[in-house]
Amino acid sequence: MLLLLFTGLRREELAQLEWEHVDLKDRSFALKSHATKNREEHVVPMSDTVVSIFETLYEAREGLY
């Protein structure tokens, strides 16, 4: 829910985001054309808060395997 608030994305857009499109070093993520309303790829820069959320999610994901 926090990612929706801090990025302004639609729920469907965020649900289709894949880890391979998240770049923590570059501090951005890409929404592929099939996931956006206008059918164009969209690169979203990440704030410190969004990076922190993604890092937490990534660590939790790694703990599952």
PDB file of N, CA and C in Angstrom:
ATOM      1  N   MET A   1       0.815  -1.183   0.000  1.00  0.00           N
ATOM      2  CA  MET A   1       0.000   0.000   0.000  1.00  0.00           C
ATOM      3  C   MET A   1       0.871   1.265   0.000  1.00  0.00           C
ATOM      4  N   LEU A   2       1.975   1.214   0.755  1.00  0.00           N
ATOM      5  CA  LEU A   2       2.850   2.390   0.808  1.00  0.00           C
ATOM      6  C   LEU A   2       3.442   2.721  -0.558  1.00  0.00           C
ATOM      7  N   LEU A   3       3.767   1.696  -1.328  1.00  0.00           N
ATOM      8  CA  LEU A   3       4.313   1.961  -2.665  1.00  0.00           C
ATOM      9  C   LEU A   3       3.298   2.682  -3.542  1.00  0.00           C
ATOM     10  N   LEU A   4       2.047   2.333  -3.411  1.00  0.00           N
ATOM     11  CA  LEU A   4       1.009   3.040  -4.177  1.00  0.00           C
ATOM     12  C   LEU A   4       0.958   4.509  -3.786  1.00  0.00           C
ATOM     13  N   LEU A   5       1.033   4.776  -2.497  1.00  0.00           N
ATOM     14  CA  LEU A   5       0.976   6.157  -2.013  1.00  0.00           C
ATOM     15  C   LEU A   5       2.202   6.975  -2.425  1.00  0.00           C
ATOM     16  N   PHE A   6       3.386   6.373  -2.309  1.00  0.00           N
ATOM     17  CA  PHE A   6       4.616   7.116  -2.575  1.00  0.00           C
ATOM     18  C   PHE A   6       4.981   7.216  -4.052  1.00  0.00           C
ATOM     19  N   THR A   7       4.403   6.353  -4.908  1.00  0.00           N
ATOM     20  CA  THR A   7       4.736   6.401  -6.333  1.00  0.00           C
ATOM     21  C   THR A   7       3.619   6.957  -7.200  1.00  0.00           C
ATOM     22  N   GLY A   8       2.389   6.906  -6.714  1.00  0.00           N
ATOM     23  CA  GLY A   8       1.264   7.372  -7.515  1.00  0.00           C
ATOM     24  C   GLY A   8       0.842   6.387  -8.591  1.00  0.00           C
ATOM     25  N   LEU A   9       1.344   5.169  -8.502  1.00  0.00           N
ATOM     26  CA  LEU A   9       0.983   4.157  -9.489  1.00  0.00           C
ATOM     27  C   LEU A   9      -0.426   3.640  -9.251  1.00  0.00           C
ATOM     28  N   ARG A  10      -0.985   3.052 -10.285  1.00  0.00           N
ATOM     29  CA  ARG A  10      -2.253   2.358 -10.145  1.00  0.00           C
ATOM     30  C   ARG A  10      -1.974   0.970  -9.572  1.00  0.00           C
ATOM     31  N   ARG A  11      -2.933   0.422  -8.886  1.00  0.00           N
ATOM     32  CA  ARG A  11      -2.780  -0.899  -8.264  1.00  0.00           C
ATOM     33  C   ARG A  11      -2.400  -1.961  -9.300  1.00  0.00           C
ATOM     34  N   GLU A  12      -3.026  -1.920 -10.458  1.00  0.00           N
ATOM     35  CA  GLU A  12      -2.756  -2.898 -11.514  1.00  0.00           C
ATOM     36  C   GLU A  12      -1.323  -2.762 -12.046  1.00  0.00           C
ATOM     37  N   GLU A  13      -0.842  -1.524 -12.139  1.00  0.00           N
ATOM     38  CA  GLU A  13       0.524  -1.294 -12.613  1.00  0.00           C
ATOM     39  C   GLU A  13       1.535  -1.893 -11.641  1.00  0.00           C
ATOM     40  N   LEU A  14       1.335  -1.635 -10.370  1.00  0.00           N
ATOM     41  CA  LEU A  14       2.258  -2.141  -9.358  1.00  0.00           C
ATOM     42  C   LEU A  14       2.184  -3.661  -9.269  1.00  0.00           C
ATOM     43  N   ALA A  15       1.011  -4.221  -9.432  1.00  0.00           N
ATOM     44  CA  ALA A  15       0.846  -5.676  -9.367  1.00  0.00           C
ATOM     45  C   ALA A  15       1.604  -6.376 -10.482  1.00  0.00           C
ATOM     46  N   GLN A  16       1.810  -5.724 -11.613  1.00  0.00           N
ATOM     47  CA  GLN A  16       2.503  -6.336 -12.741  1.00  0.00           C
ATOM     48  C   GLN A  16       4.003  -6.064 -12.747  1.00  0.00           C
ATOM     49  N   LEU A  17       4.492  -5.294 -11.782  1.00  0.00           N
ATOM     50  CA  LEU A  17       5.914  -4.993 -11.703  1.00  0.00           C
ATOM     51  C   LEU A  17       6.689  -6.251 -11.332  1.00  0.00           C
ATOM     52  N   GLU A  18       7.773  -6.522 -12.057  1.00  0.00           N
ATOM     53  CA  GLU A  18       8.614  -7.689 -11.802  1.00  0.00           C
ATOM     54  C   GLU A  18       9.957  -7.229 -11.256  1.00  0.00           C
ATOM     55  N   TRP A  19      10.563  -8.065 -10.394  1.00  0.00           N
ATOM     56  CA  TRP A  19      11.832  -7.707  -9.762  1.00  0.00           C
ATOM     57  C   TRP A  19      12.921  -7.411 -10.785  1.00  0.00           C
ATOM     58  N   GLU A  20      12.887  -8.054 -11.927  1.00  0.00           N
ATOM     59  CA  GLU A  20      13.926  -7.824 -12.935  1.00  0.00           C
ATOM     60  C   GLU A  20      13.886  -6.410 -13.505  1.00  0.00           C
ATOM     61  N   HIS A  21      12.787  -5.692 -13.268  1.00  0.00           N
ATOM     62  CA  HIS A  21      12.653  -4.320 -13.766  1.00  0.00           C
ATOM     63  C   HIS A  21      12.926  -3.271 -12.694  1.00  0.00           C
ATOM     64  N   VAL A  22      13.328  -3.735 -11.501  1.00  0.00           N
ATOM     65  CA  VAL A  22      13.668  -2.840 -10.397  1.00  0.00           C
ATOM     66  C   VAL A  22      15.183  -2.708 -10.326  1.00  0.00           C
ATOM     67  N   ASP A  23      15.681  -1.480 -10.380  1.00  0.00           N
ATOM     68  CA  ASP A  23      17.126  -1.231 -10.328  1.00  0.00           C
ATOM     69  C   ASP A  23      17.425  -0.357  -9.106  1.00  0.00           C
ATOM     70  N   LEU A  24      17.820  -1.014  -8.020  1.00  0.00           N
ATOM     71  CA  LEU A  24      18.089  -0.282  -6.782  1.00  0.00           C
ATOM     72  C   LEU A  24      19.330   0.597  -6.890  1.00  0.00           C
ATOM     73  N   LYS A  25      20.305   0.176  -7.698  1.00  0.00           N
ATOM     74  CA  LYS A  25      21.515   0.992  -7.862  1.00  0.00           C
ATOM     75  C   LYS A  25      21.208   2.281  -8.621  1.00  0.00           C
ATOM     76  N   ASP A  26      20.387   2.175  -9.655  1.00  0.00           N
ATOM     77  CA  ASP A  26      20.007   3.337 -10.461  1.00  0.00           C
ATOM     78  C   ASP A  26      18.841   4.104  -9.824  1.00  0.00           C
ATOM     79  N   ARG A  27      18.238   3.499  -8.809  1.00  0.00           N
ATOM     80  CA  ARG A  27      17.116   4.091  -8.089  1.00  0.00           C
ATOM     81  C   ARG A  27      15.930   4.392  -9.014  1.00  0.00           C
ATOM     82  N   SER A  28      15.578   3.365  -9.803  1.00  0.00           N
ATOM     83  CA  SER A  28      14.424   3.501 -10.687  1.00  0.00           C
ATOM     84  C   SER A  28      13.837   2.113 -10.953  1.00  0.00           C
ATOM     85  N   PHE A  29      12.623   2.107 -11.483  1.00  0.00           N
ATOM     86  CA  PHE A  29      12.032   0.855 -11.956  1.00  0.00           C
ATOM     87  C   PHE A  29      11.242   1.157 -13.213  1.00  0.00           C
ATOM     88  N   ALA A  30      11.097   0.134 -14.045  1.00  0.00           N
ATOM     89  CA  ALA A  30      10.428   0.309 -15.327  1.00  0.00           C
ATOM     90  C   ALA A  30       9.126  -0.469 -15.357  1.00  0.00           C
ATOM     91  N   LEU A  31       8.091   0.216 -15.763  1.00  0.00           N
ATOM     92  CA  LEU A  31       6.814  -0.441 -16.013  1.00  0.00           C
ATOM     93  C   LEU A  31       6.765  -0.734 -17.502  1.00  0.00           C
ATOM     94  N   LYS A  32       6.607  -1.968 -17.841  1.00  0.00           N
ATOM     95  CA  LYS A  32       6.574  -2.351 -19.248  1.00  0.00           C
ATOM     96  C   LYS A  32       5.260  -1.902 -19.884  1.00  0.00           C
ATOM     97  N   SER A  33       5.268  -1.806 -21.185  1.00  0.00           N
ATOM     98  CA  SER A  33       4.142  -1.220 -21.919  1.00  0.00           C
ATOM     99  C   SER A  33       2.813  -1.922 -21.641  1.00  0.00           C
ATOM    100  N   HIS A  34       2.827  -3.227 -21.422  1.00  0.00           N
ATOM    101  CA  HIS A  34       1.567  -3.935 -21.184  1.00  0.00           C
ATOM    102  C   HIS A  34       0.967  -3.597 -19.818  1.00  0.00           C
ATOM    103  N   ALA A  35       1.761  -2.992 -18.926  1.00  0.00           N
ATOM    104  CA  ALA A  35       1.290  -2.706 -17.570  1.00  0.00           C
ATOM    105  C   ALA A  35       0.755  -1.287 -17.399  1.00  0.00           C
ATOM    106  N   THR A  36       0.926  -0.423 -18.394  1.00  0.00           N
ATOM    107  CA  THR A  36       0.512   0.970 -18.232  1.00  0.00           C
ATOM    108  C   THR A  36      -0.772   1.280 -18.992  1.00  0.00           C
ATOM    109  N   LYS A  37      -1.439   2.306 -18.555  1.00  0.00           N
ATOM    110  CA  LYS A  37      -2.712   2.696 -19.149  1.00  0.00           C
ATOM    111  C   LYS A  37      -2.552   3.111 -20.612  1.00  0.00           C
ATOM    112  N   ASN A  38      -1.470   3.848 -20.924  1.00  0.00           N
ATOM    113  CA  ASN A  38      -1.296   4.334 -22.302  1.00  0.00           C
ATOM    114  C   ASN A  38      -0.453   3.404 -23.156  1.00  0.00           C
ATOM    115  N   ARG A  39      -0.118   2.225 -22.613  1.00  0.00           N
ATOM    116  CA  ARG A  39       0.623   1.182 -23.348  1.00  0.00           C
ATOM    117  C   ARG A  39       2.028   1.617 -23.768  1.00  0.00           C
ATOM    118  N   GLU A  40       2.645   2.500 -22.985  1.00  0.00           N
ATOM    119  CA  GLU A  40       4.025   2.919 -23.221  1.00  0.00           C
ATOM    120  C   GLU A  40       4.858   2.564 -21.997  1.00  0.00           C
ATOM    121  N   GLU A  41       6.119   2.172 -22.240  1.00  0.00           N
ATOM    122  CA  GLU A  41       7.001   1.883 -21.113  1.00  0.00           C
ATOM    123  C   GLU A  41       7.230   3.161 -20.312  1.00  0.00           C
ATOM    124  N   HIS A  42       7.300   3.006 -19.016  1.00  0.00           N
ATOM    125  CA  HIS A  42       7.425   4.157 -18.135  1.00  0.00           C
ATOM    126  C   HIS A  42       8.501   3.860 -17.092  1.00  0.00           C
ATOM    127  N   VAL A  43       9.537   4.696 -17.021  1.00  0.00           N
ATOM    128  CA  VAL A  43      10.586   4.540 -16.020  1.00  0.00           C
ATOM    129  C   VAL A  43      10.292   5.506 -14.876  1.00  0.00           C
ATOM    130  N   VAL A  44      10.266   4.958 -13.669  1.00  0.00           N
ATOM    131  CA  VAL A  44       9.887   5.732 -12.486  1.00  0.00           C
ATOM    132  C   VAL A  44      11.107   5.883 -11.573  1.00  0.00           C
ATOM    133  N   PRO A  45      11.506   7.111 -11.275  1.00  0.00           N
ATOM    134  CA  PRO A  45      12.598   7.309 -10.310  1.00  0.00           C
ATOM    135  C   PRO A  45      12.090   7.023  -8.901  1.00  0.00           C
ATOM    136  N   MET A  46      13.009   6.577  -8.030  1.00  0.00           N
ATOM    137  CA  MET A  46      12.617   6.221  -6.667  1.00  0.00           C
ATOM    138  C   MET A  46      13.188   7.217  -5.661  1.00  0.00           C
ATOM    139  N   SER A  47      12.350   7.618  -4.729  1.00  0.00           N
ATOM    140  CA  SER A  47      12.798   8.450  -3.615  1.00  0.00           C
ATOM    141  C   SER A  47      13.499   7.542  -2.594  1.00  0.00           C
ATOM    142  N   ASP A  48      14.113   8.152  -1.583  1.00  0.00           N
ATOM    143  CA  ASP A  48      14.762   7.374  -0.525  1.00  0.00           C
ATOM    144  C   ASP A  48      13.766   6.436   0.150  1.00  0.00           C
ATOM    145  N   THR A  49      12.570   6.910   0.369  1.00  0.00           N
ATOM    146  CA  THR A  49      11.537   6.101   1.023  1.00  0.00           C
ATOM    147  C   THR A  49      11.165   4.897   0.174  1.00  0.00           C
ATOM    148  N   VAL A  50      10.992   5.100  -1.116  1.00  0.00           N
ATOM    149  CA  VAL A  50      10.622   4.008  -2.012  1.00  0.00           C
ATOM    150  C   VAL A  50      11.766   2.996  -2.110  1.00  0.00           C
ATOM    151  N   VAL A  51      13.000   3.466  -2.178  1.00  0.00           N
ATOM    152  CA  VAL A  51      14.154   2.561  -2.196  1.00  0.00           C
ATOM    153  C   VAL A  51      14.151   1.713  -0.929  1.00  0.00           C
ATOM    154  N   SER A  52      13.912   2.334   0.208  1.00  0.00           N
ATOM    155  CA  SER A  52      13.886   1.619   1.480  1.00  0.00           C
ATOM    156  C   SER A  52      12.796   0.540   1.492  1.00  0.00           C
ATOM    157  N   ILE A  53      11.638   0.853   0.970  1.00  0.00           N
ATOM    158  CA  ILE A  53      10.541  -0.116   0.900  1.00  0.00           C
ATOM    159  C   ILE A  53      10.929  -1.286   0.014  1.00  0.00           C
ATOM    160  N   PHE A  54      11.491  -0.994  -1.162  1.00  0.00           N
ATOM    161  CA  PHE A  54      11.914  -2.064  -2.066  1.00  0.00           C
ATOM    162  C   PHE A  54      13.013  -2.920  -1.445  1.00  0.00           C
ATOM    163  N   GLU A  55      13.956  -2.306  -0.738  1.00  0.00           N
ATOM    164  CA  GLU A  55      15.019  -3.068  -0.083  1.00  0.00           C
ATOM    165  C   GLU A  55      14.433  -4.008   0.970  1.00  0.00           C
ATOM    166  N   THR A  56      13.479  -3.521   1.739  1.00  0.00           N
ATOM    167  CA  THR A  56      12.825  -4.354   2.747  1.00  0.00           C
ATOM    168  C   THR A  56      12.077  -5.512   2.105  1.00  0.00           C
ATOM    169  N   LEU A  57      11.361  -5.235   1.024  1.00  0.00           N
ATOM    170  CA  LEU A  57      10.636  -6.291   0.316  1.00  0.00           C
ATOM    171  C   LEU A  57      11.593  -7.308  -0.285  1.00  0.00           C
ATOM    172  N   TYR A  58      12.718  -6.826  -0.816  1.00  0.00           N
ATOM    173  CA  TYR A  58      13.692  -7.727  -1.421  1.00  0.00           C
ATOM    174  C   TYR A  58      14.301  -8.650  -0.373  1.00  0.00           C
ATOM    175  N   GLU A  59      14.650  -8.093   0.779  1.00  0.00           N
ATOM    176  CA  GLU A  59      15.218  -8.905   1.862  1.00  0.00           C
ATOM    177  C   GLU A  59      14.210  -9.940   2.357  1.00  0.00           C
ATOM    178  N   ALA A  60      12.950  -9.553   2.470  1.00  0.00           N
ATOM    179  CA  ALA A  60      11.914 -10.480   2.904  1.00  0.00           C
ATOM    180  C   ALA A  60      11.722 -11.587   1.868  1.00  0.00           C
ATOM    181  N   ARG A  61      11.815 -11.227   0.614  1.00  0.00           N
ATOM    182  CA  ARG A  61      11.691 -12.194  -0.486  1.00  0.00           C
ATOM    183  C   ARG A  61      12.829 -13.192  -0.452  1.00  0.00           C
ATOM    184  N   GLU A  62      14.055 -12.719  -0.211  1.00  0.00           N
ATOM    185  CA  GLU A  62      15.212 -13.593  -0.143  1.00  0.00           C
ATOM    186  C   GLU A  62      15.105 -14.574   1.026  1.00  0.00           C
ATOM    187  N   GLY A  63      14.470 -14.143   2.095  1.00  0.00           N
ATOM    188  CA  GLY A  63      14.306 -15.004   3.250  1.00  0.00           C
ATOM    189  C   GLY A  63      13.348 -16.165   3.010  1.00  0.00           C
ATOM    190  N   LEU A  64      12.540 -16.066   1.975  1.00  0.00           N
ATOM    191  CA  LEU A  64      11.590 -17.113   1.662  1.00  0.00           C
ATOM    192  C   LEU A  64      12.237 -18.293   0.951  1.00  0.00           C
ATOM    193  N   TYR A  65      13.414 -18.079   0.373  1.00  0.00           N
ATOM    194  CA  TYR A  65      14.036 -19.140  -0.423  1.00  0.00           C
ATOM    195  C   TYR A  65      15.206 -19.753   0.273  1.00  0.00           C
TER     196      TYR A  65
END
